[in-house]
Amino acid sequence: MSPEFVIGFAKNAIELALTISLPMLGIGLVVGVVVSIFQAATQIQEMTLTFVPKILAIFGALLLTFPWILDKMTTFTREVIVGIPTYIR
């Protein structure tokens, strides 16, 4: 294994992790901003008001994107397992 291969492999793994987490992080960000605007407008400073909507929205996004995430992860895993003989050389 060359250093270039290891760096490329790590780069692909990090890109995959960022790609599959992006929908949940984006939804969490949008819901957080909306709740913050609501809190600023009404001056309600309840801590549970920030967490509960974000948790529910992220869980909903996870349910909607789970088949896509599973497909991406299984494709990456399949490529890694199939490539093991070439990695050993």
N, C-alpha and C. Protein backbone atom coordinates (compact mmCIF):
# COMPACT_ATOMS: atom_id res chain seq x y z
N MET A 1 0.84 -1.18 0.00
CA MET A 1 0.00 0.00 0.00
C MET A 1 0.88 1.24 0.00
N SER A 2 0.59 2.11 -0.91
CA SER A 2 1.36 3.34 -0.99
C SER A 2 0.68 4.43 -0.16
N PRO A 3 1.42 5.44 0.22
CA PRO A 3 0.81 6.54 0.97
C PRO A 3 -0.31 7.23 0.18
N GLU A 4 -0.17 7.29 -1.14
CA GLU A 4 -1.21 7.91 -1.96
C GLU A 4 -2.51 7.12 -1.88
N PHE A 5 -2.38 5.78 -1.86
CA PHE A 5 -3.57 4.93 -1.76
C PHE A 5 -4.27 5.15 -0.43
N VAL A 6 -3.51 5.17 0.65
CA VAL A 6 -4.09 5.36 1.98
C VAL A 6 -4.77 6.71 2.09
N ILE A 7 -4.13 7.74 1.56
CA ILE A 7 -4.74 9.08 1.59
C ILE A 7 -6.01 9.11 0.76
N GLY A 8 -6.00 8.49 -0.41
CA GLY A 8 -7.19 8.44 -1.25
C GLY A 8 -8.32 7.66 -0.60
N PHE A 9 -7.97 6.55 0.04
CA PHE A 9 -8.97 5.74 0.73
C PHE A 9 -9.60 6.52 1.88
N ALA A 10 -8.76 7.19 2.67
CA ALA A 10 -9.28 8.00 3.78
C ALA A 10 -10.13 9.15 3.26
N LYS A 11 -9.71 9.76 2.16
CA LYS A 11 -10.48 10.85 1.56
C LYS A 11 -11.86 10.37 1.14
N ASN A 12 -11.93 9.20 0.50
CA ASN A 12 -13.22 8.65 0.08
C ASN A 12 -14.11 8.35 1.28
N ALA A 13 -13.51 7.81 2.35
CA ALA A 13 -14.30 7.48 3.54
C ALA A 13 -14.85 8.75 4.20
N ILE A 14 -14.03 9.79 4.28
CA ILE A 14 -14.49 11.04 4.88
C ILE A 14 -15.54 11.70 4.02
N GLU A 15 -15.36 11.68 2.70
CA GLU A 15 -16.38 12.25 1.81
C GLU A 15 -17.70 11.51 1.95
N LEU A 16 -17.66 10.20 2.07
CA LEU A 16 -18.88 9.42 2.25
C LEU A 16 -19.56 9.78 3.56
N ALA A 17 -18.77 9.89 4.64
CA ALA A 17 -19.35 10.24 5.94
C ALA A 17 -20.00 11.62 5.90
N LEU A 18 -19.36 12.57 5.25
CA LEU A 18 -19.94 13.91 5.14
C LEU A 18 -21.18 13.90 4.25
N THR A 19 -21.14 13.14 3.17
CA THR A 19 -22.28 13.08 2.25
C THR A 19 -23.51 12.50 2.91
N ILE A 20 -23.33 11.41 3.66
CA ILE A 20 -24.51 10.78 4.26
C ILE A 20 -25.01 11.52 5.49
N SER A 21 -24.18 12.36 6.09
CA SER A 21 -24.65 13.12 7.25
C SER A 21 -25.24 14.47 6.85
N LEU A 22 -25.01 14.89 5.62
CA LEU A 22 -25.45 16.21 5.18
C LEU A 22 -26.97 16.44 5.29
N PRO A 23 -27.84 15.50 4.92
CA PRO A 23 -29.28 15.77 5.05
C PRO A 23 -29.71 16.03 6.49
N MET A 24 -29.20 15.24 7.43
CA MET A 24 -29.59 15.43 8.82
C MET A 24 -29.03 16.75 9.38
N LEU A 25 -27.79 17.05 9.04
CA LEU A 25 -27.19 18.30 9.52
C LEU A 25 -27.89 19.52 8.93
N GLY A 26 -28.25 19.43 7.65
CA GLY A 26 -28.95 20.54 7.00
C GLY A 26 -30.32 20.78 7.61
N ILE A 27 -31.07 19.71 7.82
CA ILE A 27 -32.39 19.84 8.43
C ILE A 27 -32.26 20.39 9.85
N GLY A 28 -31.27 19.89 10.59
CA GLY A 28 -31.06 20.40 11.95
C GLY A 28 -30.73 21.88 11.96
N LEU A 29 -29.93 22.31 10.99
CA LEU A 29 -29.57 23.72 10.89
C LEU A 29 -30.79 24.58 10.57
N VAL A 30 -31.58 24.15 9.61
CA VAL A 30 -32.77 24.93 9.22
C VAL A 30 -33.76 25.01 10.37
N VAL A 31 -34.03 23.89 11.02
CA VAL A 31 -34.97 23.89 12.14
C VAL A 31 -34.42 24.73 13.29
N GLY A 32 -33.12 24.65 13.55
CA GLY A 32 -32.52 25.46 14.60
C GLY A 32 -32.66 26.95 14.34
N VAL A 33 -32.46 27.37 13.11
CA VAL A 33 -32.61 28.79 12.77
C VAL A 33 -34.06 29.23 12.91
N VAL A 34 -34.99 28.41 12.45
CA VAL A 34 -36.41 28.75 12.55
C VAL A 34 -36.82 28.86 14.02
N VAL A 35 -36.39 27.92 14.84
CA VAL A 35 -36.72 27.97 16.26
C VAL A 35 -36.07 29.18 16.93
N SER A 36 -34.85 29.50 16.54
CA SER A 36 -34.17 30.67 17.11
C SER A 36 -34.90 31.96 16.75
N ILE A 37 -35.36 32.06 15.51
CA ILE A 37 -36.13 33.24 15.10
C ILE A 37 -37.44 33.32 15.89
N PHE A 38 -38.08 32.17 16.08
CA PHE A 38 -39.32 32.13 16.86
C PHE A 38 -39.05 32.55 18.31
N GLN A 39 -37.96 32.06 18.88
CA GLN A 39 -37.62 32.42 20.26
C GLN A 39 -37.30 33.91 20.38
N ALA A 40 -36.60 34.45 19.39
CA ALA A 40 -36.28 35.88 19.43
C ALA A 40 -37.52 36.74 19.28
N ALA A 41 -38.45 36.29 18.44
CA ALA A 41 -39.67 37.06 18.21
C ALA A 41 -40.59 37.03 19.43
N THR A 42 -40.66 35.89 20.10
CA THR A 42 -41.58 35.76 21.24
C THR A 42 -40.89 35.92 22.58
N GLN A 43 -39.57 35.99 22.60
CA GLN A 43 -38.76 36.08 23.80
C GLN A 43 -39.00 34.93 24.77
N ILE A 44 -39.31 33.77 24.20
CA ILE A 44 -39.41 32.54 24.99
C ILE A 44 -38.03 31.90 24.99
N GLN A 45 -37.46 31.69 26.16
CA GLN A 45 -36.11 31.13 26.25
C GLN A 45 -36.13 29.74 26.91
N GLU A 46 -37.00 28.90 26.46
CA GLU A 46 -37.11 27.54 26.99
C GLU A 46 -36.13 26.63 26.26
N MET A 47 -35.29 25.92 27.00
CA MET A 47 -34.26 25.08 26.39
C MET A 47 -34.85 23.89 25.63
N THR A 48 -35.94 23.33 26.13
CA THR A 48 -36.52 22.18 25.43
C THR A 48 -37.11 22.58 24.09
N LEU A 49 -37.45 23.85 23.94
CA LEU A 49 -38.00 24.32 22.66
C LEU A 49 -36.96 24.23 21.55
N THR A 50 -35.69 24.27 21.88
CA THR A 50 -34.67 24.15 20.85
C THR A 50 -34.35 22.70 20.52
N PHE A 51 -34.40 21.82 21.50
CA PHE A 51 -33.97 20.45 21.27
C PHE A 51 -35.05 19.55 20.67
N VAL A 52 -36.25 19.63 21.17
CA VAL A 52 -37.30 18.71 20.73
C VAL A 52 -37.61 18.84 19.24
N PRO A 53 -37.83 20.04 18.70
CA PRO A 53 -38.09 20.12 17.25
C PRO A 53 -36.90 19.64 16.41
N LYS A 54 -35.68 19.95 16.86
CA LYS A 54 -34.51 19.49 16.10
C LYS A 54 -34.41 17.98 16.11
N ILE A 55 -34.63 17.37 17.25
CA ILE A 55 -34.56 15.90 17.34
C ILE A 55 -35.61 15.26 16.45
N LEU A 56 -36.83 15.78 16.49
CA LEU A 56 -37.90 15.22 15.67
C LEU A 56 -37.61 15.41 14.18
N ALA A 57 -37.11 16.59 13.80
CA ALA A 57 -36.82 16.86 12.40
C ALA A 57 -35.67 15.99 11.89
N ILE A 58 -34.63 15.84 12.70
CA ILE A 58 -33.50 15.01 12.30
C ILE A 58 -33.92 13.55 12.20
N PHE A 59 -34.75 13.09 13.12
CA PHE A 59 -35.25 11.71 13.05
C PHE A 59 -36.09 11.51 11.79
N GLY A 60 -36.93 12.49 11.45
CA GLY A 60 -37.72 12.40 10.23
C GLY A 60 -36.85 12.39 8.98
N ALA A 61 -35.82 13.22 8.97
CA ALA A 61 -34.90 13.24 7.83
C ALA A 61 -34.16 11.91 7.72
N LEU A 62 -33.80 11.34 8.86
CA LEU A 62 -33.14 10.03 8.84
C LEU A 62 -34.05 8.95 8.27
N LEU A 63 -35.31 8.98 8.66
CA LEU A 63 -36.26 8.00 8.12
C LEU A 63 -36.45 8.16 6.62
N LEU A 64 -36.49 9.40 6.14
CA LEU A 64 -36.68 9.63 4.71
C LEU A 64 -35.45 9.27 3.88
N THR A 65 -34.28 9.54 4.42
CA THR A 65 -33.05 9.32 3.65
C THR A 65 -32.36 8.01 3.95
N PHE A 66 -32.93 7.20 4.83
CA PHE A 66 -32.27 5.95 5.22
C PHE A 66 -32.01 5.00 4.05
N PRO A 67 -32.95 4.82 3.11
CA PRO A 67 -32.64 3.93 1.98
C PRO A 67 -31.45 4.43 1.15
N TRP A 68 -31.37 5.73 0.93
CA TRP A 68 -30.24 6.31 0.18
C TRP A 68 -28.94 6.13 0.95
N ILE A 69 -28.97 6.38 2.26
CA ILE A 69 -27.77 6.21 3.09
C ILE A 69 -27.32 4.76 3.07
N LEU A 70 -28.26 3.85 3.20
CA LEU A 70 -27.93 2.42 3.19
C LEU A 70 -27.33 2.02 1.86
N ASP A 71 -27.86 2.53 0.77
CA ASP A 71 -27.31 2.24 -0.56
C ASP A 71 -25.88 2.74 -0.68
N LYS A 72 -25.62 3.97 -0.25
CA LYS A 72 -24.27 4.53 -0.31
C LYS A 72 -23.29 3.72 0.54
N MET A 73 -23.71 3.34 1.73
CA MET A 73 -22.82 2.60 2.62
C MET A 73 -22.55 1.18 2.11
N THR A 74 -23.58 0.52 1.59
CA THR A 74 -23.35 -0.83 1.07
C THR A 74 -22.49 -0.80 -0.18
N THR A 75 -22.66 0.22 -1.02
CA THR A 75 -21.81 0.34 -2.21
C THR A 75 -20.36 0.54 -1.81
N PHE A 76 -20.11 1.42 -0.85
CA PHE A 76 -18.74 1.66 -0.39
C PHE A 76 -18.15 0.40 0.23
N THR A 77 -18.93 -0.28 1.07
CA THR A 77 -18.45 -1.49 1.72
C THR A 77 -18.16 -2.58 0.70
N ARG A 78 -19.04 -2.72 -0.29
CA ARG A 78 -18.83 -3.72 -1.34
C ARG A 78 -17.54 -3.44 -2.11
N GLU A 79 -17.31 -2.16 -2.43
CA GLU A 79 -16.09 -1.80 -3.15
C GLU A 79 -14.85 -2.09 -2.31
N VAL A 80 -14.93 -1.86 -1.02
CA VAL A 80 -13.79 -2.14 -0.14
C VAL A 80 -13.53 -3.63 -0.07
N ILE A 81 -14.57 -4.43 0.10
CA ILE A 81 -14.38 -5.87 0.23
C ILE A 81 -13.89 -6.47 -1.07
N VAL A 82 -14.44 -6.03 -2.20
CA VAL A 82 -14.00 -6.54 -3.50
C VAL A 82 -12.56 -6.14 -3.77
N GLY A 83 -12.14 -4.99 -3.29
CA GLY A 83 -10.80 -4.50 -3.55
C GLY A 83 -9.72 -5.02 -2.60
N ILE A 84 -10.09 -5.85 -1.64
CA ILE A 84 -9.11 -6.35 -0.67
C ILE A 84 -7.91 -7.04 -1.36
N PRO A 85 -8.12 -7.89 -2.35
CA PRO A 85 -6.93 -8.51 -2.99
C PRO A 85 -5.98 -7.50 -3.61
N THR A 86 -6.50 -6.41 -4.15
CA THR A 86 -5.61 -5.41 -4.72
C THR A 86 -4.94 -4.57 -3.64
N TYR A 87 -5.59 -4.43 -2.48
CA TYR A 87 -5.00 -3.67 -1.39
C TYR A 87 -3.81 -4.39 -0.78
N ILE A 88 -3.85 -5.72 -0.78
CA ILE A 88 -2.80 -6.51 -0.15
C ILE A 88 -1.52 -6.44 -0.95
N ARG A 89 -1.62 -6.33 -2.25
CA ARG A 89 -0.43 -6.35 -3.12
C ARG A 89 0.47 -5.20 -2.88
